[in-house]
Amino acid sequence: IGNLLMMLVIRADSHLHTPMYFFLSHLSFLDAF
């Protein structure tokens, strides 16, 4: 829930469409995986 929610928030909010959060979304996917 935590990692998928992080990915969802980053994708849904345009304020987070930056390099830092792009990398963070991949980190969240790896943690869930």
PDB file of all heavy atoms in Angstrom:
ATOM      1  N   ILE A   1       0.841  -1.207   0.000  1.00  0.00           N
ATOM      2  CA  ILE A   1       0.000   0.000   0.000  1.00  0.00           C
ATOM      3  C   ILE A   1       0.872   1.252   0.000  1.00  0.00           C
ATOM      4  O   ILE A   1       0.638   2.195  -0.777  1.00  0.00           O
ATOM      5  CB  ILE A   1      -0.937   0.000   1.225  1.00  0.00           C
ATOM      6  CG1 ILE A   1      -1.976  -1.124   1.082  1.00  0.00           C
ATOM      7  CG2 ILE A   1      -1.646   1.355   1.360  1.00  0.00           C
ATOM      8  CD1 ILE A   1      -2.812  -1.345   2.326  1.00  0.00           C
ATOM      9  N   GLY A   2       1.905   1.277   0.864  1.00  0.00           N
ATOM     10  CA  GLY A   2       2.764   2.449   0.963  1.00  0.00           C
ATOM     11  C   GLY A   2       3.498   2.753  -0.325  1.00  0.00           C
ATOM     12  O   GLY A   2       3.511   3.897  -0.800  1.00  0.00           O
ATOM     13  N   ASN A   3       4.104   1.727  -0.924  1.00  0.00           N
ATOM     14  CA  ASN A   3       4.885   1.947  -2.143  1.00  0.00           C
ATOM     15  C   ASN A   3       4.001   2.224  -3.356  1.00  0.00           C
ATOM     16  O   ASN A   3       4.325   3.078  -4.185  1.00  0.00           O
ATOM     17  CB  ASN A   3       5.782   0.731  -2.411  1.00  0.00           C
ATOM     18  CG  ASN A   3       6.995   0.695  -1.505  1.00  0.00           C
ATOM     19  OD1 ASN A   3       7.917   1.491  -1.645  1.00  0.00           O
ATOM     20  ND2 ASN A   3       6.996  -0.235  -0.563  1.00  0.00           N
ATOM     21  N   LEU A   4       2.882   1.505  -3.474  1.00  0.00           N
ATOM     22  CA  LEU A   4       1.974   1.755  -4.592  1.00  0.00           C
ATOM     23  C   LEU A   4       1.311   3.125  -4.470  1.00  0.00           C
ATOM     24  O   LEU A   4       1.097   3.807  -5.480  1.00  0.00           O
ATOM     25  CB  LEU A   4       0.918   0.650  -4.666  1.00  0.00           C
ATOM     26  CG  LEU A   4       1.444  -0.748  -5.024  1.00  0.00           C
ATOM     27  CD1 LEU A   4       0.313  -1.773  -5.006  1.00  0.00           C
ATOM     28  CD2 LEU A   4       2.120  -0.738  -6.388  1.00  0.00           C
ATOM     29  N   LEU A   5       1.005   3.543  -3.243  1.00  0.00           N
ATOM     30  CA  LEU A   5       0.424   4.871  -3.037  1.00  0.00           C
ATOM     31  C   LEU A   5       1.438   5.953  -3.394  1.00  0.00           C
ATOM     32  O   LEU A   5       1.076   6.975  -3.994  1.00  0.00           O
ATOM     33  CB  LEU A   5      -0.017   5.020  -1.582  1.00  0.00           C
ATOM     34  CG  LEU A   5      -0.720   6.340  -1.216  1.00  0.00           C
ATOM     35  CD1 LEU A   5      -1.984   6.521  -2.046  1.00  0.00           C
ATOM     36  CD2 LEU A   5      -1.051   6.374   0.276  1.00  0.00           C
ATOM     37  N   MET A   6       2.700   5.723  -3.055  1.00  0.00           N
ATOM     38  CA  MET A   6       3.746   6.675  -3.419  1.00  0.00           C
ATOM     39  C   MET A   6       3.839   6.816  -4.936  1.00  0.00           C
ATOM     40  O   MET A   6       3.927   7.930  -5.477  1.00  0.00           O
ATOM     41  CB  MET A   6       5.087   6.214  -2.857  1.00  0.00           C
ATOM     42  CG  MET A   6       6.265   7.141  -3.164  1.00  0.00           C
ATOM     43  SD  MET A   6       6.149   8.736  -2.343  1.00  0.00           S
ATOM     44  CE  MET A   6       6.526   8.253  -0.659  1.00  0.00           C
ATOM     45  N   MET A   7       3.804   5.689  -5.652  1.00  0.00           N
ATOM     46  CA  MET A   7       3.847   5.723  -7.107  1.00  0.00           C
ATOM     47  C   MET A   7       2.628   6.447  -7.672  1.00  0.00           C
ATOM     48  O   MET A   7       2.750   7.234  -8.620  1.00  0.00           O
ATOM     49  CB  MET A   7       3.918   4.297  -7.648  1.00  0.00           C
ATOM     50  CG  MET A   7       5.201   3.549  -7.300  1.00  0.00           C
ATOM     51  SD  MET A   7       5.117   1.779  -7.652  1.00  0.00           S
ATOM     52  CE  MET A   7       4.821   1.805  -9.415  1.00  0.00           C
ATOM     53  N   LEU A   8       1.453   6.200  -7.094  1.00  0.00           N
ATOM     54  CA  LEU A   8       0.220   6.824  -7.570  1.00  0.00           C
ATOM     55  C   LEU A   8       0.240   8.340  -7.356  1.00  0.00           C
ATOM     56  O   LEU A   8      -0.138   9.106  -8.255  1.00  0.00           O
ATOM     57  CB  LEU A   8      -0.984   6.212  -6.845  1.00  0.00           C
ATOM     58  CG  LEU A   8      -2.364   6.778  -7.206  1.00  0.00           C
ATOM     59  CD1 LEU A   8      -2.664   6.556  -8.679  1.00  0.00           C
ATOM     60  CD2 LEU A   8      -3.446   6.145  -6.331  1.00  0.00           C
ATOM     61  N   VAL A   9       0.704   8.770  -6.177  1.00  0.00           N
ATOM     62  CA  VAL A   9       0.760  10.207  -5.874  1.00  0.00           C
ATOM     63  C   VAL A   9       1.712  10.914  -6.833  1.00  0.00           C
ATOM     64  O   VAL A   9       1.406  11.990  -7.364  1.00  0.00           O
ATOM     65  CB  VAL A   9       1.199  10.420  -4.409  1.00  0.00           C
ATOM     66  CG1 VAL A   9       1.505  11.890  -4.150  1.00  0.00           C
ATOM     67  CG2 VAL A   9       0.120   9.939  -3.454  1.00  0.00           C
ATOM     68  N   ILE A  10       2.871  10.317  -7.070  1.00  0.00           N
ATOM     69  CA  ILE A  10       3.854  10.925  -7.972  1.00  0.00           C
ATOM     70  C   ILE A  10       3.307  11.033  -9.386  1.00  0.00           C
ATOM     71  O   ILE A  10       3.508  12.032 -10.069  1.00  0.00           O
ATOM     72  CB  ILE A  10       5.166  10.111  -7.953  1.00  0.00           C
ATOM     73  CG1 ILE A  10       5.845  10.230  -6.585  1.00  0.00           C
ATOM     74  CG2 ILE A  10       6.123  10.572  -9.054  1.00  0.00           C
ATOM     75  CD1 ILE A  10       7.034   9.326  -6.400  1.00  0.00           C
ATOM     76  N   ARG A  11       2.604  10.004  -9.824  1.00  0.00           N
ATOM     77  CA  ARG A  11       2.063  10.019 -11.183  1.00  0.00           C
ATOM     78  C   ARG A  11       0.892  10.995 -11.315  1.00  0.00           C
ATOM     79  O   ARG A  11       0.735  11.655 -12.353  1.00  0.00           O
ATOM     80  CB  ARG A  11       1.613   8.614 -11.581  1.00  0.00           C
ATOM     81  CG  ARG A  11       1.117   8.518 -13.017  1.00  0.00           C
ATOM     82  CD  ARG A  11       0.827   7.082 -13.412  1.00  0.00           C
ATOM     83  NE  ARG A  11       0.377   6.992 -14.786  1.00  0.00           N
ATOM     84  CZ  ARG A  11       1.170   6.942 -15.848  1.00  0.00           C
ATOM     85  NH1 ARG A  11       2.486   6.989 -15.681  1.00  0.00           N
ATOM     86  NH2 ARG A  11       0.696   6.853 -17.074  1.00  0.00           N
ATOM     87  N   ALA A  12       0.085  11.113 -10.257  1.00  0.00           N
ATOM     88  CA  ALA A  12      -1.151  11.904 -10.350  1.00  0.00           C
ATOM     89  C   ALA A  12      -0.925  13.395 -10.150  1.00  0.00           C
ATOM     90  O   ALA A  12      -1.700  14.214 -10.656  1.00  0.00           O
ATOM     91  CB  ALA A  12      -2.170  11.396  -9.329  1.00  0.00           C
ATOM     92  N   ASP A  13       0.124  13.777  -9.416  1.00  0.00           N
ATOM     93  CA  ASP A  13       0.331  15.188  -9.079  1.00  0.00           C
ATOM     94  C   ASP A  13       1.422  15.787  -9.962  1.00  0.00           C
ATOM     95  O   ASP A  13       2.574  15.363  -9.916  1.00  0.00           O
ATOM     96  CB  ASP A  13       0.707  15.320  -7.603  1.00  0.00           C
ATOM     97  CG  ASP A  13       0.542  16.748  -7.101  1.00  0.00           C
ATOM     98  OD1 ASP A  13       1.266  17.629  -7.600  1.00  0.00           O
ATOM     99  OD2 ASP A  13      -0.298  16.981  -6.215  1.00  0.00           O
ATOM    100  N   SER A  14       1.075  16.794 -10.721  1.00  0.00           N
ATOM    101  CA  SER A  14       2.029  17.411 -11.650  1.00  0.00           C
ATOM    102  C   SER A  14       3.169  18.125 -10.922  1.00  0.00           C
ATOM    103  O   SER A  14       4.246  18.317 -11.484  1.00  0.00           O
ATOM    104  CB  SER A  14       1.306  18.416 -12.560  1.00  0.00           C
ATOM    105  OG  SER A  14       0.683  19.435 -11.789  1.00  0.00           O
ATOM    106  N   HIS A  15       2.953  18.519  -9.651  1.00  0.00           N
ATOM    107  CA  HIS A  15       4.007  19.171  -8.885  1.00  0.00           C
ATOM    108  C   HIS A  15       5.178  18.231  -8.606  1.00  0.00           C
ATOM    109  O   HIS A  15       6.280  18.688  -8.284  1.00  0.00           O
ATOM    110  CB  HIS A  15       3.458  19.694  -7.548  1.00  0.00           C
ATOM    111  CG  HIS A  15       2.417  20.757  -7.695  1.00  0.00           C
ATOM    112  ND1 HIS A  15       1.086  20.459  -7.905  1.00  0.00           N
ATOM    113  CD2 HIS A  15       2.505  22.118  -7.676  1.00  0.00           C
ATOM    114  CE1 HIS A  15       0.387  21.582  -7.991  1.00  0.00           C
ATOM    115  NE2 HIS A  15       1.228  22.612  -7.861  1.00  0.00           N
ATOM    116  N   LEU A  16       4.925  16.937  -8.703  1.00  0.00           N
ATOM    117  CA  LEU A  16       5.962  15.943  -8.416  1.00  0.00           C
ATOM    118  C   LEU A  16       6.583  15.365  -9.682  1.00  0.00           C
ATOM    119  O   LEU A  16       7.307  14.366  -9.608  1.00  0.00           O
ATOM    120  CB  LEU A  16       5.383  14.806  -7.560  1.00  0.00           C
ATOM    121  CG  LEU A  16       4.770  15.216  -6.219  1.00  0.00           C
ATOM    122  CD1 LEU A  16       4.308  13.982  -5.450  1.00  0.00           C
ATOM    123  CD2 LEU A  16       5.746  16.032  -5.379  1.00  0.00           C
ATOM    124  N   HIS A  17       6.301  15.966 -10.823  1.00  0.00           N
ATOM    125  CA  HIS A  17       6.882  15.486 -12.083  1.00  0.00           C
ATOM    126  C   HIS A  17       8.268  16.106 -12.272  1.00  0.00           C
ATOM    127  O   HIS A  17       8.503  16.901 -13.178  1.00  0.00           O
ATOM    128  CB  HIS A  17       5.957  15.813 -13.260  1.00  0.00           C
ATOM    129  CG  HIS A  17       4.688  15.034 -13.232  1.00  0.00           C
ATOM    130  ND1 HIS A  17       3.665  15.242 -14.138  1.00  0.00           N
ATOM    131  CD2 HIS A  17       4.253  14.031 -12.408  1.00  0.00           C
ATOM    132  CE1 HIS A  17       2.668  14.414 -13.874  1.00  0.00           C
ATOM    133  NE2 HIS A  17       3.007  13.680 -12.828  1.00  0.00           N
ATOM    134  N   THR A  18       9.167  15.741 -11.370  1.00  0.00           N
ATOM    135  CA  THR A  18      10.551  16.224 -11.385  1.00  0.00           C
ATOM    136  C   THR A  18      11.488  15.014 -11.347  1.00  0.00           C
ATOM    137  O   THR A  18      11.050  13.901 -11.016  1.00  0.00           O
ATOM    138  CB  THR A  18      10.825  17.131 -10.176  1.00  0.00           C
ATOM    139  OG1 THR A  18      10.672  16.358  -8.971  1.00  0.00           O
ATOM    140  CG2 THR A  18       9.873  18.316 -10.145  1.00  0.00           C
ATOM    141  N   PRO A  19      12.767  15.199 -11.675  1.00  0.00           N
ATOM    142  CA  PRO A  19      13.704  14.064 -11.662  1.00  0.00           C
ATOM    143  C   PRO A  19      13.737  13.314 -10.330  1.00  0.00           C
ATOM    144  O   PRO A  19      13.758  12.081 -10.306  1.00  0.00           O
ATOM    145  CB  PRO A  19      15.050  14.730 -11.956  1.00  0.00           C
ATOM    146  CG  PRO A  19      14.701  15.916 -12.784  1.00  0.00           C
ATOM    147  CD  PRO A  19      13.418  16.426 -12.228  1.00  0.00           C
ATOM    148  N   MET A  20      13.739  14.046  -9.217  1.00  0.00           N
ATOM    149  CA  MET A  20      13.815  13.414  -7.904  1.00  0.00           C
ATOM    150  C   MET A  20      12.684  12.416  -7.697  1.00  0.00           C
ATOM    151  O   MET A  20      12.900  11.273  -7.242  1.00  0.00           O
ATOM    152  CB  MET A  20      13.773  14.486  -6.813  1.00  0.00           C
ATOM    153  CG  MET A  20      13.683  13.943  -5.412  1.00  0.00           C
ATOM    154  SD  MET A  20      13.569  15.276  -4.195  1.00  0.00           S
ATOM    155  CE  MET A  20      13.201  14.339  -2.708  1.00  0.00           C
ATOM    156  N   TYR A  21      11.479  12.810  -8.045  1.00  0.00           N
ATOM    157  CA  TYR A  21      10.324  11.936  -7.825  1.00  0.00           C
ATOM    158  C   TYR A  21      10.191  10.883  -8.924  1.00  0.00           C
ATOM    159  O   TYR A  21       9.587   9.833  -8.699  1.00  0.00           O
ATOM    160  CB  TYR A  21       9.057  12.786  -7.692  1.00  0.00           C
ATOM    161  CG  TYR A  21       9.091  13.651  -6.457  1.00  0.00           C
ATOM    162  CD1 TYR A  21       9.323  15.028  -6.557  1.00  0.00           C
ATOM    163  CD2 TYR A  21       8.959  13.095  -5.196  1.00  0.00           C
ATOM    164  CE1 TYR A  21       9.395  15.817  -5.423  1.00  0.00           C
ATOM    165  CE2 TYR A  21       9.025  13.882  -4.057  1.00  0.00           C
ATOM    166  CZ  TYR A  21       9.255  15.237  -4.181  1.00  0.00           C
ATOM    167  OH  TYR A  21       9.342  16.011  -3.045  1.00  0.00           O
ATOM    168  N   PHE A  22      10.739  11.142 -10.071  1.00  0.00           N
ATOM    169  CA  PHE A  22      10.815  10.112 -11.112  1.00  0.00           C
ATOM    170  C   PHE A  22      11.655   8.937 -10.619  1.00  0.00           C
ATOM    171  O   PHE A  22      11.266   7.772 -10.753  1.00  0.00           O
ATOM    172  CB  PHE A  22      11.427  10.715 -12.382  1.00  0.00           C
ATOM    173  CG  PHE A  22      11.686   9.715 -13.481  1.00  0.00           C
ATOM    174  CD1 PHE A  22      10.649   9.140 -14.187  1.00  0.00           C
ATOM    175  CD2 PHE A  22      12.990   9.354 -13.801  1.00  0.00           C
ATOM    176  CE1 PHE A  22      10.888   8.212 -15.197  1.00  0.00           C
ATOM    177  CE2 PHE A  22      13.243   8.434 -14.805  1.00  0.00           C
ATOM    178  CZ  PHE A  22      12.187   7.866 -15.510  1.00  0.00           C
ATOM    179  N   PHE A  23      12.803   9.240 -10.005  1.00  0.00           N
ATOM    180  CA  PHE A  23      13.644   8.190  -9.437  1.00  0.00           C
ATOM    181  C   PHE A  23      12.960   7.524  -8.244  1.00  0.00           C
ATOM    182  O   PHE A  23      13.044   6.304  -8.063  1.00  0.00           O
ATOM    183  CB  PHE A  23      14.990   8.767  -9.001  1.00  0.00           C
ATOM    184  CG  PHE A  23      15.803   9.357 -10.120  1.00  0.00           C
ATOM    185  CD1 PHE A  23      16.429  10.579  -9.980  1.00  0.00           C
ATOM    186  CD2 PHE A  23      15.939   8.678 -11.326  1.00  0.00           C
ATOM    187  CE1 PHE A  23      17.174  11.125 -11.016  1.00  0.00           C
ATOM    188  CE2 PHE A  23      16.682   9.213 -12.376  1.00  0.00           C
ATOM    189  CZ  PHE A  23      17.302  10.439 -12.212  1.00  0.00           C
ATOM    190  N   LEU A  24      12.283   8.324  -7.446  1.00  0.00           N
ATOM    191  CA  LEU A  24      11.609   7.785  -6.267  1.00  0.00           C
ATOM    192  C   LEU A  24      10.504   6.802  -6.645  1.00  0.00           C
ATOM    193  O   LEU A  24      10.290   5.802  -5.949  1.00  0.00           O
ATOM    194  CB  LEU A  24      11.035   8.929  -5.425  1.00  0.00           C
ATOM    195  CG  LEU A  24      10.301   8.536  -4.137  1.00  0.00           C
ATOM    196  CD1 LEU A  24      11.181   7.682  -3.237  1.00  0.00           C
ATOM    197  CD2 LEU A  24       9.814   9.782  -3.407  1.00  0.00           C
ATOM    198  N   SER A  25       9.814   7.056  -7.745  1.00  0.00           N
ATOM    199  CA  SER A  25       8.759   6.136  -8.186  1.00  0.00           C
ATOM    200  C   SER A  25       9.352   4.780  -8.567  1.00  0.00           C
ATOM    201  O   SER A  25       8.757   3.728  -8.290  1.00  0.00           O
ATOM    202  CB  SER A  25       7.987   6.736  -9.360  1.00  0.00           C
ATOM    203  OG  SER A  25       8.808   6.880 -10.505  1.00  0.00           O
ATOM    204  N   HIS A  26      10.531   4.784  -9.179  1.00  0.00           N
ATOM    205  CA  HIS A  26      11.198   3.525  -9.509  1.00  0.00           C
ATOM    206  C   HIS A  26      11.684   2.811  -8.246  1.00  0.00           C
ATOM    207  O   HIS A  26      11.630   1.582  -8.156  1.00  0.00           O
ATOM    208  CB  HIS A  26      12.373   3.782 -10.458  1.00  0.00           C
ATOM    209  CG  HIS A  26      11.958   4.022 -11.874  1.00  0.00           C
ATOM    210  ND1 HIS A  26      11.884   3.012 -12.818  1.00  0.00           N
ATOM    211  CD2 HIS A  26      11.564   5.157 -12.504  1.00  0.00           C
ATOM    212  CE1 HIS A  26      11.475   3.515 -13.962  1.00  0.00           C
ATOM    213  NE2 HIS A  26      11.280   4.805 -13.814  1.00  0.00           N
ATOM    214  N   LEU A  27      12.150   3.578  -7.265  1.00  0.00           N
ATOM    215  CA  LEU A  27      12.560   2.977  -5.991  1.00  0.00           C
ATOM    216  C   LEU A  27      11.375   2.330  -5.293  1.00  0.00           C
ATOM    217  O   LEU A  27      11.498   1.231  -4.730  1.00  0.00           O
ATOM    218  CB  LEU A  27      13.180   4.054  -5.097  1.00  0.00           C
ATOM    219  CG  LEU A  27      13.680   3.577  -3.724  1.00  0.00           C
ATOM    220  CD1 LEU A  27      14.852   2.620  -3.883  1.00  0.00           C
ATOM    221  CD2 LEU A  27      14.084   4.767  -2.859  1.00  0.00           C
ATOM    222  N   SER A  28      10.228   2.982  -5.327  1.00  0.00           N
ATOM    223  CA  SER A  28       9.018   2.422  -4.712  1.00  0.00           C
ATOM    224  C   SER A  28       8.611   1.123  -5.398  1.00  0.00           C
ATOM    225  O   SER A  28       8.205   0.160  -4.738  1.00  0.00           O
ATOM    226  CB  SER A  28       7.873   3.433  -4.777  1.00  0.00           C
ATOM    227  OG  SER A  28       8.170   4.578  -4.012  1.00  0.00           O
ATOM    228  N   PHE A  29       8.713   1.094  -6.734  1.00  0.00           N
ATOM    229  CA  PHE A  29       8.396  -0.127  -7.464  1.00  0.00           C
ATOM    230  C   PHE A  29       9.337  -1.264  -7.056  1.00  0.00           C
ATOM    231  O   PHE A  29       8.903  -2.405  -6.826  1.00  0.00           O
ATOM    232  CB  PHE A  29       8.495   0.103  -8.965  1.00  0.00           C
ATOM    233  CG  PHE A  29       8.352  -1.162  -9.780  1.00  0.00           C
ATOM    234  CD1 PHE A  29       7.100  -1.684 -10.053  1.00  0.00           C
ATOM    235  CD2 PHE A  29       9.471  -1.842 -10.250  1.00  0.00           C
ATOM    236  CE1 PHE A  29       6.958  -2.863 -10.782  1.00  0.00           C
ATOM    237  CE2 PHE A  29       9.341  -3.015 -10.980  1.00  0.00           C
ATOM    238  CZ  PHE A  29       8.083  -3.522 -11.248  1.00  0.00           C
ATOM    239  N   LEU A  30      10.633  -0.966  -6.942  1.00  0.00           N
ATOM    240  CA  LEU A  30      11.607  -1.990  -6.561  1.00  0.00           C
ATOM    241  C   LEU A  30      11.337  -2.528  -5.159  1.00  0.00           C
ATOM    242  O   LEU A  30      11.464  -3.728  -4.913  1.00  0.00           O
ATOM    243  CB  LEU A  30      13.024  -1.418  -6.629  1.00  0.00           C
ATOM    244  CG  LEU A  30      13.645  -1.306  -8.018  1.00  0.00           C
ATOM    245  CD1 LEU A  30      14.984  -0.586  -7.942  1.00  0.00           C
ATOM    246  CD2 LEU A  30      13.828  -2.680  -8.653  1.00  0.00           C
ATOM    247  N   ASP A  31      10.961  -1.639  -4.237  1.00  0.00           N
ATOM    248  CA  ASP A  31      10.667  -2.084  -2.875  1.00  0.00           C
ATOM    249  C   ASP A  31       9.449  -3.006  -2.837  1.00  0.00           C
ATOM    250  O   ASP A  31       9.451  -4.029  -2.145  1.00  0.00           O
ATOM    251  CB  ASP A  31      10.437  -0.878  -1.958  1.00  0.00           C
ATOM    252  CG  ASP A  31      11.730  -0.177  -1.589  1.00  0.00           C
ATOM    253  OD1 ASP A  31      12.776  -0.853  -1.543  1.00  0.00           O
ATOM    254  OD2 ASP A  31      11.707   1.042  -1.348  1.00  0.00           O
ATOM    255  N   ALA A  32       8.399  -2.642  -3.564  1.00  0.00           N
ATOM    256  CA  ALA A  32       7.211  -3.495  -3.633  1.00  0.00           C
ATOM    257  C   ALA A  32       7.541  -4.821  -4.309  1.00  0.00           C
ATOM    258  O   ALA A  32       7.078  -5.894  -3.886  1.00  0.00           O
ATOM    259  CB  ALA A  32       6.089  -2.773  -4.381  1.00  0.00           C
ATOM    260  N   PHE A  33       8.359  -4.773  -5.353  1.00  0.00           N
ATOM    261  CA  PHE A  33       8.764  -5.972  -6.091  1.00  0.00           C
ATOM    262  C   PHE A  33       9.595  -6.895  -5.212  1.00  0.00           C
ATOM    263  O   PHE A  33       9.357  -8.103  -5.147  1.00  0.00           O
ATOM    264  CB  PHE A  33       9.557  -5.557  -7.328  1.00  0.00           C
ATOM    265  CG  PHE A  33      10.059  -6.709  -8.159  1.00  0.00           C
ATOM    266  CD1 PHE A  33       9.200  -7.438  -8.946  1.00  0.00           C
ATOM    267  CD2 PHE A  33      11.402  -7.056  -8.140  1.00  0.00           C
ATOM    268  CE1 PHE A  33       9.666  -8.498  -9.713  1.00  0.00           C
ATOM    269  CE2 PHE A  33      11.876  -8.111  -8.900  1.00  0.00           C
ATOM    270  CZ  PHE A  33      11.005  -8.831  -9.695  1.00  0.00           C
TER     271      PHE A  33
END
